[in-house]
Amino acid sequence: MNFTATDLNMFYLSWASLNSSCLAWENQTNYLAKSGKYTVLIFENRGMGLSDAPSGLYSTSQLANDAKDLLDHVGWEKNIHVDGVSMGGMIALELLITWPDRFSSLVLTSTTSGRQVPPLKAITTLGSLIFVKDPRIKVGRAITLVYPPQWLSAKPEDIEYAHFETNRDMFITHYLARLERSRPQTLTGNIGQTAACLSHYVSDARLLKLKESGIPVLVMTGTWDNLVNPKNSYHLAKVLECPIEVFDGGGHGLPGEQPARYNKLIDDHFSKARGD
């Protein structure tokens, strides 16, 4: 990789969580890159895809250090805008609280400051997937946690995907295609990342440090989320005293479920932070 840091906006994406390749950000990276305003960087966290998956229990602070090392490597020291979904939002909190001077804005989507008990459906479904080897069966079960049933059974709105009968068919096809460019999550990676999510905690006192840094923050959540209770997003917005965008009936994976609305919101947020 060879990136050059300039005075232009930088946009850094920290991807979501278990079994999620950074390639799932393609709706956002294509939209932002084509705007001509952003340099876009995505990557796979420790324990996922083509990144190493060492054995052991990970932490979100450890994953934030990984991200910081990557930014050092590519020479990004300022003007960085961060979008984190789910576990990515947890990592982003650690990243910006620890090194606030490098960042210009933050979007926190479907995430938490920690110490939340996952819904029972999430625990039972994710637990049942650990030893499922067939990727089509695995993703078919997992997406019931991420997307509302009405969306999964609906026909894609984007004319580019009109040949798919349902959003479920579209998502599974795209997921399997991404595996050809990456690789499935290993058991050690799954265990390590799960430990990071379950042990994650950012106190209100530390959240206030982020607020005091003056970095503009936007929180987003769907009202239908089987992985992170929306009340966590409301808590973040309350403590940080920042705007919250609520997707009525939206699920956990808002960037994939409602890309047009999501893309405009993050673009507007980053542009406003930059003073455009």
C-alpha atoms as a PDB file:
ATOM      1  CA  MET A   1       0.000   0.000   0.000  1.00  0.00           C
ATOM      2  CA  ASN A   2       1.179   3.505  -0.768  1.00  0.00           C
ATOM      3  CA  PHE A   3      -0.852   6.454   0.449  1.00  0.00           C
ATOM      4  CA  THR A   4       0.154  10.095   0.601  1.00  0.00           C
ATOM      5  CA  ALA A   5      -1.168  12.324   3.376  1.00  0.00           C
ATOM      6  CA  THR A   6      -2.297  15.715   2.104  1.00  0.00           C
ATOM      7  CA  ASP A   7      -4.421  18.577   3.379  1.00  0.00           C
ATOM      8  CA  LEU A   8      -7.443  16.917   1.787  1.00  0.00           C
ATOM      9  CA  ASN A   9      -9.986  14.971   3.776  1.00  0.00           C
ATOM     10  CA  MET A  10      -8.924  11.510   4.775  1.00  0.00           C
ATOM     11  CA  PHE A  11     -11.552   8.870   5.427  1.00  0.00           C
ATOM     12  CA  TYR A  12     -10.755   5.767   7.434  1.00  0.00           C
ATOM     13  CA  LEU A  13     -13.197   2.913   7.858  1.00  0.00           C
ATOM     14  CA  SER A  14     -13.065   0.486  10.759  1.00  0.00           C
ATOM     15  CA  TRP A  15     -15.215  -2.472   9.824  1.00  0.00           C
ATOM     16  CA  ALA A  16     -17.838  -4.077  11.927  1.00  0.00           C
ATOM     17  CA  SER A  17     -17.315  -7.419  13.557  1.00  0.00           C
ATOM     18  CA  LEU A  18     -17.581 -11.165  13.372  1.00  0.00           C
ATOM     19  CA  ASN A  19     -17.491 -12.777   9.935  1.00  0.00           C
ATOM     20  CA  SER A  20     -17.443  -9.373   8.250  1.00  0.00           C
ATOM     21  CA  SER A  21     -14.854  -8.619   5.603  1.00  0.00           C
ATOM     22  CA  CYS A  22     -13.866  -5.012   4.964  1.00  0.00           C
ATOM     23  CA  LEU A  23     -15.167  -5.610   1.432  1.00  0.00           C
ATOM     24  CA  ALA A  24     -18.668  -5.171   2.880  1.00  0.00           C
ATOM     25  CA  TRP A  25     -17.885  -1.423   2.861  1.00  0.00           C
ATOM     26  CA  GLU A  26     -17.929  -1.301  -0.949  1.00  0.00           C
ATOM     27  CA  ASN A  27     -21.152   0.732  -1.129  1.00  0.00           C
ATOM     28  CA  GLN A  28     -19.499   3.416   0.988  1.00  0.00           C
ATOM     29  CA  THR A  29     -15.991   3.315  -0.459  1.00  0.00           C
ATOM     30  CA  ASN A  30     -17.245   3.563  -4.032  1.00  0.00           C
ATOM     31  CA  TYR A  31     -19.600   6.422  -3.194  1.00  0.00           C
ATOM     32  CA  LEU A  32     -17.001   8.449  -1.320  1.00  0.00           C
ATOM     33  CA  ALA A  33     -14.118   7.774  -3.685  1.00  0.00           C
ATOM     34  CA  LYS A  34     -16.201   8.772  -6.711  1.00  0.00           C
ATOM     35  CA  SER A  35     -17.044  12.076  -5.032  1.00  0.00           C
ATOM     36  CA  GLY A  36     -13.415  13.104  -5.490  1.00  0.00           C
ATOM     37  CA  LYS A  37     -13.269  14.492  -1.950  1.00  0.00           C
ATOM     38  CA  TYR A  38     -11.856  11.512  -0.086  1.00  0.00           C
ATOM     39  CA  THR A  39      -8.990   9.105   0.047  1.00  0.00           C
ATOM     40  CA  VAL A  40     -10.512   5.876   1.359  1.00  0.00           C
ATOM     41  CA  LEU A  41      -8.784   3.248   3.478  1.00  0.00           C
ATOM     42  CA  ILE A  42     -10.397  -0.002   4.585  1.00  0.00           C
ATOM     43  CA  PHE A  43      -8.801  -3.014   6.254  1.00  0.00           C
ATOM     44  CA  GLU A  44      -9.588  -6.273   7.993  1.00  0.00           C
ATOM     45  CA  ASN A  45      -9.079  -6.301  11.735  1.00  0.00           C
ATOM     46  CA  ARG A  46      -6.937  -8.833  13.553  1.00  0.00           C
ATOM     47  CA  GLY A  47      -8.844 -12.117  13.458  1.00  0.00           C
ATOM     48  CA  MET A  48     -10.633 -11.551  10.162  1.00  0.00           C
ATOM     49  CA  GLY A  49     -10.071 -12.333   6.500  1.00  0.00           C
ATOM     50  CA  LEU A  50      -6.554 -11.881   5.167  1.00  0.00           C
ATOM     51  CA  SER A  51      -5.293 -10.341   8.413  1.00  0.00           C
ATOM     52  CA  ASP A  52      -3.534 -12.530  10.970  1.00  0.00           C
ATOM     53  CA  ALA A  53      -5.693 -14.383  13.486  1.00  0.00           C
ATOM     54  CA  PRO A  54      -3.385 -15.154  16.414  1.00  0.00           C
ATOM     55  CA  SER A  55      -4.756 -17.306  19.212  1.00  0.00           C
ATOM     56  CA  GLY A  56      -5.811 -15.620  22.427  1.00  0.00           C
ATOM     57  CA  LEU A  57      -8.422 -13.166  23.628  1.00  0.00           C
ATOM     58  CA  TYR A  58      -8.352  -9.784  21.911  1.00  0.00           C
ATOM     59  CA  SER A  59      -9.418  -6.397  23.301  1.00  0.00           C
ATOM     60  CA  THR A  60     -10.775  -3.308  21.571  1.00  0.00           C
ATOM     61  CA  SER A  61      -7.826  -1.274  22.851  1.00  0.00           C
ATOM     62  CA  GLN A  62      -5.483  -3.826  21.260  1.00  0.00           C
ATOM     63  CA  LEU A  63      -7.396  -3.603  17.979  1.00  0.00           C
ATOM     64  CA  ALA A  64      -7.237   0.201  18.194  1.00  0.00           C
ATOM     65  CA  ASN A  65      -3.455  -0.032  18.509  1.00  0.00           C
ATOM     66  CA  ASP A  66      -3.432  -2.235  15.406  1.00  0.00           C
ATOM     67  CA  ALA A  67      -5.372   0.460  13.545  1.00  0.00           C
ATOM     68  CA  LYS A  68      -3.040   3.188  14.773  1.00  0.00           C
ATOM     69  CA  ASP A  69      -0.027   1.181  13.583  1.00  0.00           C
ATOM     70  CA  LEU A  70      -1.643   0.892  10.154  1.00  0.00           C
ATOM     71  CA  LEU A  71      -2.231   4.646  10.011  1.00  0.00           C
ATOM     72  CA  ASP A  72       1.409   5.212  10.970  1.00  0.00           C
ATOM     73  CA  HIS A  73       2.486   2.843   8.233  1.00  0.00           C
ATOM     74  CA  VAL A  74       0.583   4.693   5.494  1.00  0.00           C
ATOM     75  CA  GLY A  75       1.551   8.105   6.885  1.00  0.00           C
ATOM     76  CA  TRP A  76      -1.898   9.332   7.886  1.00  0.00           C
ATOM     77  CA  GLU A  77      -1.371  11.703  10.807  1.00  0.00           C
ATOM     78  CA  LYS A  78      -4.217  14.216  10.427  1.00  0.00           C
ATOM     79  CA  ASN A  79      -7.501  14.995   8.662  1.00  0.00           C
ATOM     80  CA  ILE A  80      -8.804  11.467   9.290  1.00  0.00           C
ATOM     81  CA  HIS A  81     -12.547  10.844   9.410  1.00  0.00           C
ATOM     82  CA  VAL A  82     -13.618   7.563  11.014  1.00  0.00           C
ATOM     83  CA  ASP A  83     -16.706   5.449  10.525  1.00  0.00           C
ATOM     84  CA  GLY A  84     -17.115   2.430  12.782  1.00  0.00           C
ATOM     85  CA  VAL A  85     -19.982  -0.048  12.795  1.00  0.00           C
ATOM     86  CA  SER A  86     -20.623  -2.445  15.685  1.00  0.00           C
ATOM     87  CA  MET A  87     -17.202  -3.725  16.844  1.00  0.00           C
ATOM     88  CA  GLY A  88     -15.671  -1.131  14.554  1.00  0.00           C
ATOM     89  CA  GLY A  89     -17.410   1.569  16.579  1.00  0.00           C
ATOM     90  CA  MET A  90     -15.998   0.114  19.783  1.00  0.00           C
ATOM     91  CA  ILE A  91     -12.510   0.201  18.285  1.00  0.00           C
ATOM     92  CA  ALA A  92     -13.097   3.722  17.000  1.00  0.00           C
ATOM     93  CA  LEU A  93     -13.943   4.955  20.494  1.00  0.00           C
ATOM     94  CA  GLU A  94     -10.647   3.619  21.832  1.00  0.00           C
ATOM     95  CA  LEU A  95      -8.778   5.035  18.841  1.00  0.00           C
ATOM     96  CA  LEU A  96     -10.111   8.592  19.034  1.00  0.00           C
ATOM     97  CA  ILE A  97     -10.031   8.878  22.817  1.00  0.00           C
ATOM     98  CA  THR A  98      -6.375   7.797  22.859  1.00  0.00           C
ATOM     99  CA  TRP A  99      -5.133   9.799  19.834  1.00  0.00           C
ATOM    100  CA  PRO A 100      -7.671  12.617  19.317  1.00  0.00           C
ATOM    101  CA  ASP A 101      -5.288  15.000  17.535  1.00  0.00           C
ATOM    102  CA  ARG A 102      -5.192  12.821  14.426  1.00  0.00           C
ATOM    103  CA  PHE A 103      -8.923  12.825  13.757  1.00  0.00           C
ATOM    104  CA  SER A 104     -11.423  15.291  12.330  1.00  0.00           C
ATOM    105  CA  SER A 105     -14.774  13.538  12.808  1.00  0.00           C
ATOM    106  CA  LEU A 106     -16.421  10.279  13.828  1.00  0.00           C
ATOM    107  CA  VAL A 107     -19.504   8.258  12.930  1.00  0.00           C
ATOM    108  CA  LEU A 108     -20.646   5.581  15.389  1.00  0.00           C
ATOM    109  CA  THR A 109     -23.150   3.125  13.914  1.00  0.00           C
ATOM    110  CA  SER A 110     -25.001   0.338  15.739  1.00  0.00           C
ATOM    111  CA  THR A 111     -22.430   0.268  18.520  1.00  0.00           C
ATOM    112  CA  THR A 112     -21.933   0.636  22.258  1.00  0.00           C
ATOM    113  CA  SER A 113     -19.616   1.963  24.935  1.00  0.00           C
ATOM    114  CA  GLY A 114     -19.763  -1.504  26.480  1.00  0.00           C
ATOM    115  CA  ARG A 115     -21.077  -3.628  29.305  1.00  0.00           C
ATOM    116  CA  GLN A 116     -24.180  -4.510  27.378  1.00  0.00           C
ATOM    117  CA  VAL A 117     -25.712  -7.980  27.470  1.00  0.00           C
ATOM    118  CA  PRO A 118     -26.235  -9.203  23.889  1.00  0.00           C
ATOM    119  CA  PRO A 119     -29.821 -10.200  23.065  1.00  0.00           C
ATOM    120  CA  LEU A 120     -30.552 -13.906  23.585  1.00  0.00           C
ATOM    121  CA  LYS A 121     -31.131 -14.413  19.856  1.00  0.00           C
ATOM    122  CA  ALA A 122     -27.634 -13.091  19.148  1.00  0.00           C
ATOM    123  CA  ILE A 123     -26.034 -15.412  21.694  1.00  0.00           C
ATOM    124  CA  THR A 124     -27.829 -18.539  20.489  1.00  0.00           C
ATOM    125  CA  THR A 125     -27.448 -17.801  16.763  1.00  0.00           C
ATOM    126  CA  LEU A 126     -23.774 -16.812  16.876  1.00  0.00           C
ATOM    127  CA  GLY A 127     -23.000 -19.751  19.124  1.00  0.00           C
ATOM    128  CA  SER A 128     -24.600 -22.158  16.666  1.00  0.00           C
ATOM    129  CA  LEU A 129     -22.521 -20.785  13.790  1.00  0.00           C
ATOM    130  CA  ILE A 130     -19.080 -21.448  15.245  1.00  0.00           C
ATOM    131  CA  PHE A 131     -18.817 -24.964  13.844  1.00  0.00           C
ATOM    132  CA  VAL A 132     -20.844 -24.464  10.647  1.00  0.00           C
ATOM    133  CA  LYS A 133     -18.435 -24.888   7.731  1.00  0.00           C
ATOM    134  CA  ASP A 134     -20.706 -24.334   4.725  1.00  0.00           C
ATOM    135  CA  PRO A 135     -20.476 -20.555   4.085  1.00  0.00           C
ATOM    136  CA  ARG A 136     -23.879 -20.393   2.394  1.00  0.00           C
ATOM    137  CA  ILE A 137     -25.595 -21.975   5.407  1.00  0.00           C
ATOM    138  CA  LYS A 138     -23.589 -19.819   7.809  1.00  0.00           C
ATOM    139  CA  VAL A 139     -24.387 -16.505   6.154  1.00  0.00           C
ATOM    140  CA  GLY A 140     -28.009 -17.538   5.620  1.00  0.00           C
ATOM    141  CA  ARG A 141     -28.431 -17.862   9.369  1.00  0.00           C
ATOM    142  CA  ALA A 142     -26.267 -14.894  10.360  1.00  0.00           C
ATOM    143  CA  ILE A 143     -28.109 -12.334   8.248  1.00  0.00           C
ATOM    144  CA  THR A 144     -31.288 -12.930  10.240  1.00  0.00           C
ATOM    145  CA  LEU A 145     -29.488 -11.099  13.061  1.00  0.00           C
ATOM    146  CA  VAL A 146     -28.281  -8.236  10.900  1.00  0.00           C
ATOM    147  CA  TYR A 147     -31.219  -7.388   8.638  1.00  0.00           C
ATOM    148  CA  PRO A 148     -34.992  -7.154   9.265  1.00  0.00           C
ATOM    149  CA  PRO A 149     -37.074  -9.978   7.755  1.00  0.00           C
ATOM    150  CA  GLN A 150     -39.094  -7.496   5.664  1.00  0.00           C
ATOM    151  CA  TRP A 151     -35.901  -6.200   4.027  1.00  0.00           C
ATOM    152  CA  LEU A 152     -34.528  -9.691   3.407  1.00  0.00           C
ATOM    153  CA  SER A 153     -37.691 -10.782   1.616  1.00  0.00           C
ATOM    154  CA  ALA A 154     -38.077  -7.565  -0.404  1.00  0.00           C
ATOM    155  CA  LYS A 155     -36.751  -7.065  -3.921  1.00  0.00           C
ATOM    156  CA  PRO A 156     -33.622  -4.863  -4.152  1.00  0.00           C
ATOM    157  CA  GLU A 157     -34.436  -1.223  -4.865  1.00  0.00           C
ATOM    158  CA  ASP A 158     -31.223  -0.513  -6.756  1.00  0.00           C
ATOM    159  CA  ILE A 159     -31.756  -1.164 -10.475  1.00  0.00           C
ATOM    160  CA  GLU A 160     -28.231  -2.592 -10.636  1.00  0.00           C
ATOM    161  CA  TYR A 161     -29.422  -5.541  -8.548  1.00  0.00           C
ATOM    162  CA  ALA A 162     -32.880  -5.939 -10.075  1.00  0.00           C
ATOM    163  CA  HIS A 163     -31.975  -9.421 -11.345  1.00  0.00           C
ATOM    164  CA  PHE A 164     -32.073 -10.722  -7.762  1.00  0.00           C
ATOM    165  CA  GLU A 165     -35.438 -11.908  -6.491  1.00  0.00           C
ATOM    166  CA  THR A 166     -34.793 -10.749  -2.919  1.00  0.00           C
ATOM    167  CA  ASN A 167     -32.282  -8.800  -0.854  1.00  0.00           C
ATOM    168  CA  ARG A 168     -31.459 -12.119   0.822  1.00  0.00           C
ATOM    169  CA  ASP A 169     -30.383 -13.590  -2.523  1.00  0.00           C
ATOM    170  CA  MET A 170     -28.374 -10.467  -3.319  1.00  0.00           C
ATOM    171  CA  PHE A 171     -26.571 -10.432   0.017  1.00  0.00           C
ATOM    172  CA  ILE A 172     -25.665 -14.128   0.002  1.00  0.00           C
ATOM    173  CA  THR A 173     -24.337 -13.877  -3.557  1.00  0.00           C
ATOM    174  CA  HIS A 174     -22.201 -10.851  -2.690  1.00  0.00           C
ATOM    175  CA  TYR A 175     -20.948 -12.480   0.512  1.00  0.00           C
ATOM    176  CA  LEU A 176     -19.811 -15.613  -1.312  1.00  0.00           C
ATOM    177  CA  ALA A 177     -18.114 -13.458  -3.965  1.00  0.00           C
ATOM    178  CA  ARG A 178     -16.212 -11.563  -1.263  1.00  0.00           C
ATOM    179  CA  LEU A 179     -14.923 -14.840   0.150  1.00  0.00           C
ATOM    180  CA  GLU A 180     -13.119 -15.393  -3.132  1.00  0.00           C
ATOM    181  CA  ARG A 181     -11.222 -12.130  -2.501  1.00  0.00           C
ATOM    182  CA  SER A 182     -10.724 -12.723   1.215  1.00  0.00           C
ATOM    183  CA  ARG A 183     -11.289 -15.816   3.383  1.00  0.00           C
ATOM    184  CA  PRO A 184     -13.731 -16.999   6.058  1.00  0.00           C
ATOM    185  CA  GLN A 185     -13.069 -16.121   9.676  1.00  0.00           C
ATOM    186  CA  THR A 186     -11.149 -18.795  11.570  1.00  0.00           C
ATOM    187  CA  LEU A 187     -12.250 -20.205  14.918  1.00  0.00           C
ATOM    188  CA  THR A 188      -9.342 -18.471  16.704  1.00  0.00           C
ATOM    189  CA  GLY A 189     -10.270 -15.183  15.060  1.00  0.00           C
ATOM    190  CA  ASN A 190     -13.913 -15.605  16.041  1.00  0.00           C
ATOM    191  CA  ILE A 191     -13.041 -16.360  19.662  1.00  0.00           C
ATOM    192  CA  GLY A 192     -10.569 -13.476  19.854  1.00  0.00           C
ATOM    193  CA  GLN A 193     -12.968 -10.906  18.399  1.00  0.00           C
ATOM    194  CA  THR A 194     -15.887 -12.158  20.493  1.00  0.00           C
ATOM    195  CA  ALA A 195     -13.769 -11.645  23.611  1.00  0.00           C
ATOM    196  CA  ALA A 196     -12.979  -8.091  22.471  1.00  0.00           C
ATOM    197  CA  CYS A 197     -16.666  -7.270  22.074  1.00  0.00           C
ATOM    198  CA  LEU A 198     -17.725  -8.821  25.371  1.00  0.00           C
ATOM    199  CA  SER A 199     -14.937  -7.165  27.397  1.00  0.00           C
ATOM    200  CA  HIS A 200     -15.250  -3.754  25.732  1.00  0.00           C
ATOM    201  CA  TYR A 201     -15.953  -0.854  28.053  1.00  0.00           C
ATOM    202  CA  VAL A 202     -15.527   2.888  27.692  1.00  0.00           C
ATOM    203  CA  SER A 203     -16.670   4.754  30.790  1.00  0.00           C
ATOM    204  CA  ASP A 204     -18.726   7.933  30.655  1.00  0.00           C
ATOM    205  CA  ALA A 205     -15.675   9.777  31.981  1.00  0.00           C
ATOM    206  CA  ARG A 206     -13.675   8.640  28.957  1.00  0.00           C
ATOM    207  CA  LEU A 207     -16.549   9.467  26.631  1.00  0.00           C
ATOM    208  CA  LEU A 208     -16.471  12.995  28.047  1.00  0.00           C
ATOM    209  CA  LYS A 209     -12.807  13.221  27.037  1.00  0.00           C
ATOM    210  CA  LEU A 210     -13.928  12.573  23.473  1.00  0.00           C
ATOM    211  CA  LYS A 211     -16.614  15.235  23.808  1.00  0.00           C
ATOM    212  CA  GLU A 212     -14.093  17.718  25.212  1.00  0.00           C
ATOM    213  CA  SER A 213     -11.754  17.097  22.271  1.00  0.00           C
ATOM    214  CA  GLY A 214     -14.273  18.879  20.058  1.00  0.00           C
ATOM    215  CA  ILE A 215     -14.308  16.131  17.422  1.00  0.00           C
ATOM    216  CA  PRO A 216     -17.741  16.167  15.719  1.00  0.00           C
ATOM    217  CA  VAL A 217     -19.576  12.890  16.305  1.00  0.00           C
ATOM    218  CA  LEU A 218     -22.680  11.470  14.634  1.00  0.00           C
ATOM    219  CA  VAL A 219     -24.440   8.425  16.102  1.00  0.00           C
ATOM    220  CA  MET A 220     -26.675   6.196  13.964  1.00  0.00           C
ATOM    221  CA  THR A 221     -28.898   3.281  14.894  1.00  0.00           C
ATOM    222  CA  GLY A 222     -31.793   1.233  13.602  1.00  0.00           C
ATOM    223  CA  THR A 223     -34.787   0.503  15.791  1.00  0.00           C
ATOM    224  CA  TRP A 224     -34.639  -3.213  14.875  1.00  0.00           C
ATOM    225  CA  ASP A 225     -31.263  -4.501  16.023  1.00  0.00           C
ATOM    226  CA  ASN A 226     -30.692  -8.044  17.270  1.00  0.00           C
ATOM    227  CA  LEU A 227     -26.994  -7.501  18.013  1.00  0.00           C
ATOM    228  CA  VAL A 228     -26.661  -4.132  19.782  1.00  0.00           C
ATOM    229  CA  ASN A 229     -29.671  -2.723  21.593  1.00  0.00           C
ATOM    230  CA  PRO A 230     -30.479   0.768  20.208  1.00  0.00           C
ATOM    231  CA  LYS A 231     -30.485   2.115  23.771  1.00  0.00           C
ATOM    232  CA  ASN A 232     -26.686   1.956  23.597  1.00  0.00           C
ATOM    233  CA  SER A 233     -26.683   4.474  20.751  1.00  0.00           C
ATOM    234  CA  TYR A 234     -29.008   6.775  22.672  1.00  0.00           C
ATOM    235  CA  HIS A 235     -26.621   6.604  25.627  1.00  0.00           C
ATOM    236  CA  LEU A 236     -23.643   7.533  23.438  1.00  0.00           C
ATOM    237  CA  ALA A 237     -25.512  10.471  21.937  1.00  0.00           C
ATOM    238  CA  LYS A 238     -26.612  11.675  25.367  1.00  0.00           C
ATOM    239  CA  VAL A 239     -23.158  11.607  26.946  1.00  0.00           C
ATOM    240  CA  LEU A 240     -21.395  12.993  23.869  1.00  0.00           C
ATOM    241  CA  GLU A 241     -24.188  15.552  23.328  1.00  0.00           C
ATOM    242  CA  CYS A 242     -24.119  14.809  19.627  1.00  0.00           C
ATOM    243  CA  PRO A 243     -26.770  14.234  16.939  1.00  0.00           C
ATOM    244  CA  ILE A 244     -28.349  10.814  16.554  1.00  0.00           C
ATOM    245  CA  GLU A 245     -29.904   9.572  13.330  1.00  0.00           C
ATOM    246  CA  VAL A 246     -32.534   6.872  13.845  1.00  0.00           C
ATOM    247  CA  PHE A 247     -33.513   4.512  11.034  1.00  0.00           C
ATOM    248  CA  ASP A 248     -37.068   3.464  11.865  1.00  0.00           C
ATOM    249  CA  GLY A 249     -37.333  -0.284  11.305  1.00  0.00           C
ATOM    250  CA  GLY A 250     -33.654  -0.439  10.329  1.00  0.00           C
ATOM    251  CA  GLY A 251     -31.464  -3.318  11.409  1.00  0.00           C
ATOM    252  CA  HIS A 252     -27.868  -3.695  12.538  1.00  0.00           C
ATOM    253  CA  GLY A 253     -26.249  -3.428   9.100  1.00  0.00           C
ATOM    254  CA  LEU A 254     -27.411   0.018   8.036  1.00  0.00           C
ATOM    255  CA  PRO A 255     -24.606   0.647   5.477  1.00  0.00           C
ATOM    256  CA  GLY A 256     -25.773  -2.349   3.441  1.00  0.00           C
ATOM    257  CA  GLU A 257     -29.482  -2.102   4.154  1.00  0.00           C
ATOM    258  CA  GLN A 258     -30.013   1.583   3.358  1.00  0.00           C
ATOM    259  CA  PRO A 259     -26.844   2.688   1.522  1.00  0.00           C
ATOM    260  CA  ALA A 260     -28.258   5.789  -0.198  1.00  0.00           C
ATOM    261  CA  ARG A 261     -29.426   7.411   3.035  1.00  0.00           C
ATOM    262  CA  TYR A 262     -26.399   6.204   4.973  1.00  0.00           C
ATOM    263  CA  ASN A 263     -23.904   7.453   2.387  1.00  0.00           C
ATOM    264  CA  LYS A 264     -25.450  10.915   2.258  1.00  0.00           C
ATOM    265  CA  LEU A 265     -25.432  11.189   6.039  1.00  0.00           C
ATOM    266  CA  ILE A 266     -21.756  10.300   6.420  1.00  0.00           C
ATOM    267  CA  ASP A 267     -20.758  12.530   3.491  1.00  0.00           C
ATOM    268  CA  ASP A 268     -22.688  15.461   4.972  1.00  0.00           C
ATOM    269  CA  HIS A 269     -21.157  14.849   8.397  1.00  0.00           C
ATOM    270  CA  PHE A 270     -17.568  14.681   7.111  1.00  0.00           C
ATOM    271  CA  SER A 271     -18.081  17.672   4.822  1.00  0.00           C
ATOM    272  CA  LYS A 272     -19.521  19.771   7.651  1.00  0.00           C
ATOM    273  CA  ALA A 273     -16.625  18.807   9.917  1.00  0.00           C
ATOM    274  CA  ARG A 274     -14.233  19.906   7.199  1.00  0.00           C
ATOM    275  CA  GLY A 275     -16.026  23.208   6.767  1.00  0.00           C
ATOM    276  CA  ASP A 276     -17.360  22.575   3.253  1.00  0.00           C
END
